[in-house]
Amino acid sequence: MQSFKSWFWLLLFACLFLLTQDYLFIRWQPKPTLLGFPSWLLWFAALHLAFVMAFYYFSRRYWKE
């Protein structure tokens, strides 16, 4: 069972890493979104939020707090 948990966390963080390589598969348009920010900024913020949440749950499981 420990091996499954290790693979799960490895795949989760690998997927998050691959999503950060967005310049390989996304052509960001220069036009702004509804709030006036560039669309890549929303992607950047969403990925960072996902990473922080994943790291939070990982650390809770690792240190069992």
Protein backbone atom coordinates (compact mmCIF):
# COMPACT_ATOMS: atom_id res chain seq x y z
CA MET A 1 0.00 0.00 0.00
CA GLN A 2 2.90 2.36 0.70
CA SER A 3 4.11 1.93 -2.88
CA PHE A 4 0.74 3.06 -4.24
CA LYS A 5 0.88 6.21 -2.13
CA SER A 6 4.38 6.95 -3.35
CA TRP A 7 3.36 6.52 -6.97
CA PHE A 8 0.27 8.67 -6.45
CA TRP A 9 2.29 11.60 -5.08
CA LEU A 10 4.97 11.15 -7.73
CA LEU A 11 2.39 11.24 -10.53
CA LEU A 12 0.54 14.17 -9.00
CA PHE A 13 3.62 16.35 -8.74
CA ALA A 14 4.85 15.20 -12.16
CA CYS A 15 1.51 16.23 -13.69
CA LEU A 16 1.72 19.61 -12.00
CA PHE A 17 5.25 20.01 -13.33
CA LEU A 18 4.13 19.14 -16.86
CA LEU A 19 1.30 21.66 -16.62
CA THR A 20 3.86 24.35 -15.87
CA GLN A 21 5.44 23.65 -19.25
CA ASP A 22 2.48 25.29 -20.95
CA TYR A 23 4.55 27.13 -23.53
CA LEU A 24 5.08 23.78 -25.25
CA PHE A 25 1.39 23.20 -26.04
CA ILE A 26 -0.52 26.48 -25.48
CA ARG A 27 -0.27 29.59 -27.62
CA TRP A 28 -1.39 32.39 -25.32
CA GLN A 29 -3.29 35.15 -27.06
CA PRO A 30 -2.17 38.70 -26.26
CA LYS A 31 -5.73 39.91 -25.60
CA PRO A 32 -6.71 40.46 -21.93
CA THR A 33 -9.41 38.55 -20.04
CA LEU A 34 -12.51 40.08 -18.48
CA LEU A 35 -10.59 41.45 -15.51
CA GLY A 36 -7.92 42.97 -17.72
CA PHE A 37 -5.20 40.48 -16.83
CA PRO A 38 -3.46 38.37 -19.45
CA SER A 39 -4.90 34.86 -19.67
CA TRP A 40 -1.56 33.22 -18.83
CA LEU A 41 -1.63 34.96 -15.44
CA LEU A 42 -4.83 33.16 -14.46
CA TRP A 43 -3.25 29.84 -15.53
CA PHE A 44 -0.16 30.68 -13.47
CA ALA A 45 -2.25 31.49 -10.37
CA ALA A 46 -4.41 28.36 -10.73
CA LEU A 47 -1.36 26.10 -11.03
CA HIS A 48 0.23 27.65 -7.99
CA LEU A 49 -2.95 27.19 -5.99
CA ALA A 50 -3.10 23.53 -7.08
CA PHE A 51 0.56 23.06 -6.12
CA VAL A 52 0.08 24.63 -2.68
CA MET A 53 -2.97 22.45 -2.01
CA ALA A 54 -1.15 19.29 -3.16
CA PHE A 55 1.90 20.13 -1.06
CA TYR A 56 -0.31 20.85 1.96
CA TYR A 57 -2.03 17.45 1.73
CA PHE A 58 1.28 15.72 1.03
CA SER A 59 2.90 17.23 4.10
CA ARG A 60 -0.11 16.34 6.27
CA ARG A 61 0.11 12.71 5.11
CA TYR A 62 3.90 12.55 5.42
CA TRP A 63 4.12 13.96 8.93
CA LYS A 64 0.69 12.57 9.93
CA GLU A 65 -0.56 15.75 11.56
